[in-house]
Amino acid sequence: MKQNIHPQYREVVFLDTQTSHKFIIRSTVNTKDSIKFDGKDYPLFKCDVTSKSHPFYTGAQTRIIETGRVEKFRARFSHTPGSSNK
């Protein structure tokens, strides 16, 4: 393997800026900031969205989709004969 061409693979703290949730994972991401976490200094990378704040993982997206489905169903079948939603 060639020397000095590969990025440094190390533990990095990722910070979700929306929820202030922090987690450590190994990464090659370049960072300028550092943070003391669990008594040790780590490079810090600030994320806008993680699994703690993204609607797909938090379940907020499914509620929006389900609401839209119900509204589409009611709109589609509200004008059918025999319906009580006239």
PDB file of N, CA and C in Angstrom:
ATOM      1  N   MET A   1       0.849  -1.172   0.000  1.00  0.00           N
ATOM      2  CA  MET A   1       0.000   0.000   0.000  1.00  0.00           C
ATOM      3  C   MET A   1       0.898   1.240   0.000  1.00  0.00           C
ATOM      4  N   LYS A   2       0.539   2.228  -0.818  1.00  0.00           N
ATOM      5  CA  LYS A   2       1.317   3.459  -0.889  1.00  0.00           C
ATOM      6  C   LYS A   2       1.171   4.267   0.397  1.00  0.00           C
ATOM      7  N   GLN A   3       2.236   4.874   0.814  1.00  0.00           N
ATOM      8  CA  GLN A   3       2.258   5.667   2.032  1.00  0.00           C
ATOM      9  C   GLN A   3       1.817   7.111   1.739  1.00  0.00           C
ATOM     10  N   ASN A   4       1.144   7.730   2.728  1.00  0.00           N
ATOM     11  CA  ASN A   4       0.781   9.154   2.714  1.00  0.00           C
ATOM     12  C   ASN A   4      -0.192   9.567   1.611  1.00  0.00           C
ATOM     13  N   ILE A   5      -1.008   8.649   1.088  1.00  0.00           N
ATOM     14  CA  ILE A   5      -2.022   9.044   0.102  1.00  0.00           C
ATOM     15  C   ILE A   5      -3.442   8.811   0.619  1.00  0.00           C
ATOM     16  N   HIS A   6      -3.581   8.075   1.695  1.00  0.00           N
ATOM     17  CA  HIS A   6      -4.891   7.747   2.229  1.00  0.00           C
ATOM     18  C   HIS A   6      -5.299   8.747   3.306  1.00  0.00           C
ATOM     19  N   PRO A   7      -6.598   9.089   3.378  1.00  0.00           N
ATOM     20  CA  PRO A   7      -7.042  10.003   4.446  1.00  0.00           C
ATOM     21  C   PRO A   7      -6.956   9.313   5.806  1.00  0.00           C
ATOM     22  N   GLN A   8      -6.849  10.132   6.836  1.00  0.00           N
ATOM     23  CA  GLN A   8      -6.752   9.596   8.200  1.00  0.00           C
ATOM     24  C   GLN A   8      -8.113   9.089   8.649  1.00  0.00           C
ATOM     25  N   TYR A   9      -8.175   7.817   9.033  1.00  0.00           N
ATOM     26  CA  TYR A   9      -9.404   7.170   9.504  1.00  0.00           C
ATOM     27  C   TYR A   9      -9.365   7.149  11.019  1.00  0.00           C
ATOM     28  N   ARG A  10     -10.257   7.926  11.667  1.00  0.00           N
ATOM     29  CA  ARG A  10     -10.205   8.089  13.108  1.00  0.00           C
ATOM     30  C   ARG A  10     -11.598   8.256  13.675  1.00  0.00           C
ATOM     31  N   GLU A  11     -11.697   8.245  14.998  1.00  0.00           N
ATOM     32  CA  GLU A  11     -12.984   8.467  15.654  1.00  0.00           C
ATOM     33  C   GLU A  11     -13.310   9.953  15.615  1.00  0.00           C
ATOM     34  N   VAL A  12     -14.564  10.273  15.243  1.00  0.00           N
ATOM     35  CA  VAL A  12     -15.031  11.650  15.118  1.00  0.00           C
ATOM     36  C   VAL A  12     -16.373  11.751  15.835  1.00  0.00           C
ATOM     37  N   VAL A  13     -16.601  12.855  16.535  1.00  0.00           N
ATOM     38  CA  VAL A  13     -17.898  13.112  17.164  1.00  0.00           C
ATOM     39  C   VAL A  13     -18.758  13.865  16.159  1.00  0.00           C
ATOM     40  N   PHE A  14     -19.937  13.332  15.892  1.00  0.00           N
ATOM     41  CA  PHE A  14     -20.912  13.997  15.030  1.00  0.00           C
ATOM     42  C   PHE A  14     -21.973  14.622  15.924  1.00  0.00           C
ATOM     43  N   LEU A  15     -22.267  15.903  15.696  1.00  0.00           N
ATOM     44  CA  LEU A  15     -23.225  16.646  16.491  1.00  0.00           C
ATOM     45  C   LEU A  15     -24.403  17.034  15.615  1.00  0.00           C
ATOM     46  N   ASP A  16     -25.611  16.602  16.000  1.00  0.00           N
ATOM     47  CA  ASP A  16     -26.838  17.010  15.315  1.00  0.00           C
ATOM     48  C   ASP A  16     -27.195  18.394  15.838  1.00  0.00           C
ATOM     49  N   THR A  17     -27.132  19.402  14.978  1.00  0.00           N
ATOM     50  CA  THR A  17     -27.359  20.780  15.426  1.00  0.00           C
ATOM     51  C   THR A  17     -28.811  21.047  15.787  1.00  0.00           C
ATOM     52  N   GLN A  18     -29.757  20.233  15.317  1.00  0.00           N
ATOM     53  CA  GLN A  18     -31.169  20.433  15.646  1.00  0.00           C
ATOM     54  C   GLN A  18     -31.523  19.886  17.022  1.00  0.00           C
ATOM     55  N   THR A  19     -30.959  18.740  17.371  1.00  0.00           N
ATOM     56  CA  THR A  19     -31.332  18.081  18.625  1.00  0.00           C
ATOM     57  C   THR A  19     -30.208  18.052  19.655  1.00  0.00           C
ATOM     58  N   SER A  20     -29.020  18.490  19.304  1.00  0.00           N
ATOM     59  CA  SER A  20     -27.823  18.467  20.157  1.00  0.00           C
ATOM     60  C   SER A  20     -27.416  17.039  20.541  1.00  0.00           C
ATOM     61  N   HIS A  21     -27.833  16.055  19.754  1.00  0.00           N
ATOM     62  CA  HIS A  21     -27.447  14.661  19.976  1.00  0.00           C
ATOM     63  C   HIS A  21     -26.035  14.455  19.427  1.00  0.00           C
ATOM     64  N   LYS A  22     -25.173  13.800  20.216  1.00  0.00           N
ATOM     65  CA  LYS A  22     -23.793  13.543  19.811  1.00  0.00           C
ATOM     66  C   LYS A  22     -23.560  12.046  19.755  1.00  0.00           C
ATOM     67  N   PHE A  23     -22.758  11.621  18.773  1.00  0.00           N
ATOM     68  CA  PHE A  23     -22.350  10.228  18.712  1.00  0.00           C
ATOM     69  C   PHE A  23     -20.974  10.130  18.080  1.00  0.00           C
ATOM     70  N   ILE A  24     -20.260   9.084  18.437  1.00  0.00           N
ATOM     71  CA  ILE A  24     -18.908   8.859  17.934  1.00  0.00           C
ATOM     72  C   ILE A  24     -18.955   7.761  16.884  1.00  0.00           C
ATOM     73  N   ILE A  25     -18.282   8.014  15.774  1.00  0.00           N
ATOM     74  CA  ILE A  25     -18.161   7.024  14.714  1.00  0.00           C
ATOM     75  C   ILE A  25     -16.827   7.252  14.015  1.00  0.00           C
ATOM     76  N   ARG A  26     -16.278   6.223  13.460  1.00  0.00           N
ATOM     77  CA  ARG A  26     -15.013   6.368  12.736  1.00  0.00           C
ATOM     78  C   ARG A  26     -15.291   6.940  11.356  1.00  0.00           C
ATOM     79  N   SER A  27     -14.437   7.893  10.954  1.00  0.00           N
ATOM     80  CA  SER A  27     -14.665   8.582   9.694  1.00  0.00           C
ATOM     81  C   SER A  27     -13.359   9.191   9.182  1.00  0.00           C
ATOM     82  N   THR A  28     -13.349   9.557   7.900  1.00  0.00           N
ATOM     83  CA  THR A  28     -12.219  10.257   7.301  1.00  0.00           C
ATOM     84  C   THR A  28     -12.545  11.723   7.043  1.00  0.00           C
ATOM     85  N   VAL A  29     -13.672  12.210   7.559  1.00  0.00           N
ATOM     86  CA  VAL A  29     -14.105  13.580   7.318  1.00  0.00           C
ATOM     87  C   VAL A  29     -13.092  14.573   7.892  1.00  0.00           C
ATOM     88  N   ASN A  30     -12.831  15.658   7.135  1.00  0.00           N
ATOM     89  CA  ASN A  30     -11.941  16.715   7.615  1.00  0.00           C
ATOM     90  C   ASN A  30     -12.731  17.678   8.482  1.00  0.00           C
ATOM     91  N   THR A  31     -12.205  18.002   9.649  1.00  0.00           N
ATOM     92  CA  THR A  31     -12.887  18.909  10.564  1.00  0.00           C
ATOM     93  C   THR A  31     -11.923  19.979  11.049  1.00  0.00           C
ATOM     94  N   LYS A  32     -12.479  21.117  11.431  1.00  0.00           N
ATOM     95  CA  LYS A  32     -11.681  22.200  12.000  1.00  0.00           C
ATOM     96  C   LYS A  32     -11.912  22.306  13.505  1.00  0.00           C
ATOM     97  N   ASP A  33     -13.071  21.835  13.968  1.00  0.00           N
ATOM     98  CA  ASP A  33     -13.446  21.944  15.371  1.00  0.00           C
ATOM     99  C   ASP A  33     -13.074  20.673  16.122  1.00  0.00           C
ATOM    100  N   SER A  34     -12.973  20.810  17.441  1.00  0.00           N
ATOM    101  CA  SER A  34     -12.760  19.647  18.302  1.00  0.00           C
ATOM    102  C   SER A  34     -13.636  19.802  19.539  1.00  0.00           C
ATOM    103  N   ILE A  35     -13.858  18.685  20.227  1.00  0.00           N
ATOM    104  CA  ILE A  35     -14.721  18.691  21.404  1.00  0.00           C
ATOM    105  C   ILE A  35     -14.204  17.660  22.393  1.00  0.00           C
ATOM    106  N   LYS A  36     -14.414  17.932  23.669  1.00  0.00           N
ATOM    107  CA  LYS A  36     -14.090  16.965  24.714  1.00  0.00           C
ATOM    108  C   LYS A  36     -15.353  16.150  24.968  1.00  0.00           C
ATOM    109  N   PHE A  37     -15.280  14.842  24.749  1.00  0.00           N
ATOM    110  CA  PHE A  37     -16.432  13.953  24.869  1.00  0.00           C
ATOM    111  C   PHE A  37     -15.982  12.708  25.618  1.00  0.00           C
ATOM    112  N   ASP A  38     -16.654  12.385  26.694  1.00  0.00           N
ATOM    113  CA  ASP A  38     -16.295  11.243  27.552  1.00  0.00           C
ATOM    114  C   ASP A  38     -14.856  11.343  28.042  1.00  0.00           C
ATOM    115  N   GLY A  39     -14.405  12.578  28.347  1.00  0.00           N
ATOM    116  CA  GLY A  39     -13.080  12.779  28.893  1.00  0.00           C
ATOM    117  C   GLY A  39     -11.945  12.703  27.898  1.00  0.00           C
ATOM    118  N   LYS A  40     -12.233  12.704  26.607  1.00  0.00           N
ATOM    119  CA  LYS A  40     -11.208  12.584  25.578  1.00  0.00           C
ATOM    120  C   LYS A  40     -11.489  13.615  24.489  1.00  0.00           C
ATOM    121  N   ASP A  41     -10.447  14.169  23.872  1.00  0.00           N
ATOM    122  CA  ASP A  41     -10.622  15.134  22.783  1.00  0.00           C
ATOM    123  C   ASP A  41     -10.819  14.406  21.460  1.00  0.00           C
ATOM    124  N   TYR A  42     -11.850  14.831  20.712  1.00  0.00           N
ATOM    125  CA  TYR A  42     -12.173  14.259  19.412  1.00  0.00           C
ATOM    126  C   TYR A  42     -12.388  15.385  18.405  1.00  0.00           C
ATOM    127  N   PRO A  43     -12.160  15.122  17.123  1.00  0.00           N
ATOM    128  CA  PRO A  43     -12.582  16.075  16.100  1.00  0.00           C
ATOM    129  C   PRO A  43     -14.113  16.149  16.096  1.00  0.00           C
ATOM    130  N   LEU A  44     -14.665  17.331  15.782  1.00  0.00           N
ATOM    131  CA  LEU A  44     -16.115  17.534  15.804  1.00  0.00           C
ATOM    132  C   LEU A  44     -16.613  17.879  14.415  1.00  0.00           C
ATOM    133  N   PHE A  45     -17.678  17.183  13.985  1.00  0.00           N
ATOM    134  CA  PHE A  45     -18.348  17.493  12.726  1.00  0.00           C
ATOM    135  C   PHE A  45     -19.811  17.797  13.035  1.00  0.00           C
ATOM    136  N   LYS A  46     -20.272  18.975  12.607  1.00  0.00           N
ATOM    137  CA  LYS A  46     -21.650  19.400  12.880  1.00  0.00           C
ATOM    138  C   LYS A  46     -22.541  19.022  11.703  1.00  0.00           C
ATOM    139  N   CYS A  47     -23.614  18.263  11.995  1.00  0.00           N
ATOM    140  CA  CYS A  47     -24.559  17.797  10.983  1.00  0.00           C
ATOM    141  C   CYS A  47     -25.862  18.578  11.107  1.00  0.00           C
ATOM    142  N   ASP A  48     -26.478  18.883   9.985  1.00  0.00           N
ATOM    143  CA  ASP A  48     -27.789  19.524  10.002  1.00  0.00           C
ATOM    144  C   ASP A  48     -28.882  18.507  10.310  1.00  0.00           C
ATOM    145  N   VAL A  49     -28.736  17.290   9.781  1.00  0.00           N
ATOM    146  CA  VAL A  49     -29.763  16.258   9.929  1.00  0.00           C
ATOM    147  C   VAL A  49     -29.101  14.920  10.232  1.00  0.00           C
ATOM    148  N   THR A  50     -29.642  14.217  11.222  1.00  0.00           N
ATOM    149  CA  THR A  50     -29.226  12.839  11.505  1.00  0.00           C
ATOM    150  C   THR A  50     -30.492  12.007  11.696  1.00  0.00           C
ATOM    151  N   SER A  51     -30.324  10.767  12.082  1.00  0.00           N
ATOM    152  CA  SER A  51     -31.482   9.907  12.298  1.00  0.00           C
ATOM    153  C   SER A  51     -32.326  10.364  13.492  1.00  0.00           C
ATOM    154  N   LYS A  52     -31.767  11.176  14.374  1.00  0.00           N
ATOM    155  CA  LYS A  52     -32.528  11.686  15.522  1.00  0.00           C
ATOM    156  C   LYS A  52     -33.447  12.840  15.146  1.00  0.00           C
ATOM    157  N   SER A  53     -33.198  13.498  13.999  1.00  0.00           N
ATOM    158  CA  SER A  53     -34.007  14.663  13.641  1.00  0.00           C
ATOM    159  C   SER A  53     -34.689  14.547  12.280  1.00  0.00           C
ATOM    160  N   HIS A  54     -34.339  13.569  11.470  1.00  0.00           N
ATOM    161  CA  HIS A  54     -34.946  13.438  10.137  1.00  0.00           C
ATOM    162  C   HIS A  54     -36.354  12.854  10.251  1.00  0.00           C
ATOM    163  N   PRO A  55     -37.333  13.445   9.560  1.00  0.00           N
ATOM    164  CA  PRO A  55     -38.725  12.971   9.670  1.00  0.00           C
ATOM    165  C   PRO A  55     -38.920  11.501   9.312  1.00  0.00           C
ATOM    166  N   PHE A  56     -38.130  10.964   8.403  1.00  0.00           N
ATOM    167  CA  PHE A  56     -38.278   9.560   8.026  1.00  0.00           C
ATOM    168  C   PHE A  56     -38.004   8.649   9.220  1.00  0.00           C
ATOM    169  N   TYR A  57     -36.985   8.973  10.013  1.00  0.00           N
ATOM    170  CA  TYR A  57     -36.615   8.137  11.151  1.00  0.00           C
ATOM    171  C   TYR A  57     -37.424   8.446  12.405  1.00  0.00           C
ATOM    172  N   THR A  58     -37.900   9.673  12.552  1.00  0.00           N
ATOM    173  CA  THR A  58     -38.657  10.034  13.744  1.00  0.00           C
ATOM    174  C   THR A  58     -40.127   9.640  13.635  1.00  0.00           C
ATOM    175  N   GLY A  59     -40.600   9.318  12.435  1.00  0.00           N
ATOM    176  CA  GLY A  59     -41.980   8.905  12.242  1.00  0.00           C
ATOM    177  C   GLY A  59     -42.890  10.035  11.829  1.00  0.00           C
ATOM    178  N   ALA A  60     -42.417  11.258  11.791  1.00  0.00           N
ATOM    179  CA  ALA A  60     -43.251  12.401  11.415  1.00  0.00           C
ATOM    180  C   ALA A  60     -43.680  12.306   9.961  1.00  0.00           C
ATOM    181  N   GLN A  61     -42.826  11.774   9.112  1.00  0.00           N
ATOM    182  CA  GLN A  61     -43.144  11.670   7.689  1.00  0.00           C
ATOM    183  C   GLN A  61     -44.297  10.703   7.456  1.00  0.00           C
ATOM    184  N   THR A  62     -44.342   9.598   8.180  1.00  0.00           N
ATOM    185  CA  THR A  62     -45.405   8.620   7.970  1.00  0.00           C
ATOM    186  C   THR A  62     -46.761   9.202   8.347  1.00  0.00           C
ATOM    187  N   ARG A  63     -46.803  10.032   9.379  1.00  0.00           N
ATOM    188  CA  ARG A  63     -48.067  10.658   9.753  1.00  0.00           C
ATOM    189  C   ARG A  63     -48.545  11.607   8.660  1.00  0.00           C
ATOM    190  N   ILE A  64     -47.640  12.325   8.047  1.00  0.00           N
ATOM    191  CA  ILE A  64     -48.000  13.238   6.966  1.00  0.00           C
ATOM    192  C   ILE A  64     -48.527  12.451   5.774  1.00  0.00           C
ATOM    193  N   ILE A  65     -47.866  11.361   5.434  1.00  0.00           N
ATOM    194  CA  ILE A  65     -48.292  10.536   4.302  1.00  0.00           C
ATOM    195  C   ILE A  65     -49.660   9.937   4.578  1.00  0.00           C
ATOM    196  N   GLU A  66     -49.879   9.401   5.792  1.00  0.00           N
ATOM    197  CA  GLU A  66     -51.171   8.801   6.129  1.00  0.00           C
ATOM    198  C   GLU A  66     -52.283   9.833   6.072  1.00  0.00           C
ATOM    199  N   THR A  67     -52.039  11.033   6.545  1.00  0.00           N
ATOM    200  CA  THR A  67     -53.047  12.090   6.496  1.00  0.00           C
ATOM    201  C   THR A  67     -53.397  12.409   5.056  1.00  0.00           C
ATOM    202  N   GLY A  68     -52.406  12.496   4.208  1.00  0.00           N
ATOM    203  CA  GLY A  68     -52.649  12.755   2.796  1.00  0.00           C
ATOM    204  C   GLY A  68     -53.455  11.651   2.131  1.00  0.00           C
ATOM    205  N   ARG A  69     -53.218  10.420   2.509  1.00  0.00           N
ATOM    206  CA  ARG A  69     -53.954   9.290   1.937  1.00  0.00           C
ATOM    207  C   ARG A  69     -55.422   9.346   2.324  1.00  0.00           C
ATOM    208  N   VAL A  70     -55.696   9.668   3.565  1.00  0.00           N
ATOM    209  CA  VAL A  70     -57.088   9.752   4.030  1.00  0.00           C
ATOM    210  C   VAL A  70     -57.812  10.867   3.287  1.00  0.00           C
ATOM    211  N   GLU A  71     -57.167  12.017   3.146  1.00  0.00           N
ATOM    212  CA  GLU A  71     -57.790  13.135   2.434  1.00  0.00           C
ATOM    213  C   GLU A  71     -58.040  12.789   0.969  1.00  0.00           C
ATOM    214  N   LYS A  72     -57.110  12.106   0.318  1.00  0.00           N
ATOM    215  CA  LYS A  72     -57.308  11.692  -1.073  1.00  0.00           C
ATOM    216  C   LYS A  72     -58.480  10.716  -1.184  1.00  0.00           C
ATOM    217  N   PHE A  73     -58.567   9.770  -0.235  1.00  0.00           N
ATOM    218  CA  PHE A  73     -59.660   8.802  -0.250  1.00  0.00           C
ATOM    219  C   PHE A  73     -61.002   9.504  -0.102  1.00  0.00           C
ATOM    220  N   ARG A  74     -61.107  10.415   0.852  1.00  0.00           N
ATOM    221  CA  ARG A  74     -62.359  11.127   1.064  1.00  0.00           C
ATOM    222  C   ARG A  74     -62.729  11.979  -0.138  1.00  0.00           C
ATOM    223  N   ALA A  75     -61.766  12.625  -0.748  1.00  0.00           N
ATOM    224  CA  ALA A  75     -62.033  13.459  -1.920  1.00  0.00           C
ATOM    225  C   ALA A  75     -62.481  12.601  -3.100  1.00  0.00           C
ATOM    226  N   ARG A  76     -61.878  11.445  -3.264  1.00  0.00           N
ATOM    227  CA  ARG A  76     -62.193  10.585  -4.394  1.00  0.00           C
ATOM    228  C   ARG A  76     -63.587   9.970  -4.268  1.00  0.00           C
ATOM    229  N   PHE A  77     -63.945   9.546  -3.071  1.00  0.00           N
ATOM    230  CA  PHE A  77     -65.191   8.811  -2.898  1.00  0.00           C
ATOM    231  C   PHE A  77     -66.311   9.621  -2.255  1.00  0.00           C
ATOM    232  N   SER A  78     -66.144  10.908  -2.074  1.00  0.00           N
ATOM    233  CA  SER A  78     -67.198  11.718  -1.459  1.00  0.00           C
ATOM    234  C   SER A  78     -68.372  11.953  -2.407  1.00  0.00           C
ATOM    235  N   HIS A  79     -68.159  11.821  -3.706  1.00  0.00           N
ATOM    236  CA  HIS A  79     -69.210  12.091  -4.688  1.00  0.00           C
ATOM    237  C   HIS A  79     -69.850  10.826  -5.238  1.00  0.00           C
ATOM    238  N   THR A  80     -69.554   9.675  -4.685  1.00  0.00           N
ATOM    239  CA  THR A  80     -70.130   8.437  -5.182  1.00  0.00           C
ATOM    240  C   THR A  80     -71.550   8.271  -4.654  1.00  0.00           C
ATOM    241  N   PRO A  81     -72.414   7.626  -5.417  1.00  0.00           N
ATOM    242  CA  PRO A  81     -73.811   7.407  -4.959  1.00  0.00           C
ATOM    243  C   PRO A  81     -73.831   6.549  -3.689  1.00  0.00           C
ATOM    244  N   GLY A  82     -74.658   6.935  -2.763  1.00  0.00           N
ATOM    245  CA  GLY A  82     -74.819   6.187  -1.515  1.00  0.00           C
ATOM    246  C   GLY A  82     -73.884   6.636  -0.423  1.00  0.00           C
ATOM    247  N   SER A  83     -73.020   7.620  -0.693  1.00  0.00           N
ATOM    248  CA  SER A  83     -72.145   8.081   0.375  1.00  0.00           C
ATOM    249  C   SER A  83     -72.870   9.107   1.234  1.00  0.00           C
ATOM    250  N   SER A  84     -72.530   9.165   2.491  1.00  0.00           N
ATOM    251  CA  SER A  84     -73.206  10.073   3.408  1.00  0.00           C
ATOM    252  C   SER A  84     -72.454  11.390   3.557  1.00  0.00           C
ATOM    253  N   ASN A  85     -71.394  11.619   2.787  1.00  0.00           N
ATOM    254  CA  ASN A  85     -70.574  12.818   2.904  1.00  0.00           C
ATOM    255  C   ASN A  85     -70.928  13.853   1.832  1.00  0.00           C
ATOM    256  N   LYS A  86     -72.184  14.067   1.542  1.00  0.00           N
ATOM    257  CA  LYS A  86     -72.571  15.014   0.483  1.00  0.00           C
ATOM    258  C   LYS A  86     -72.570  16.414   0.975  1.00  0.00           C
TER     259      LYS A  86
END
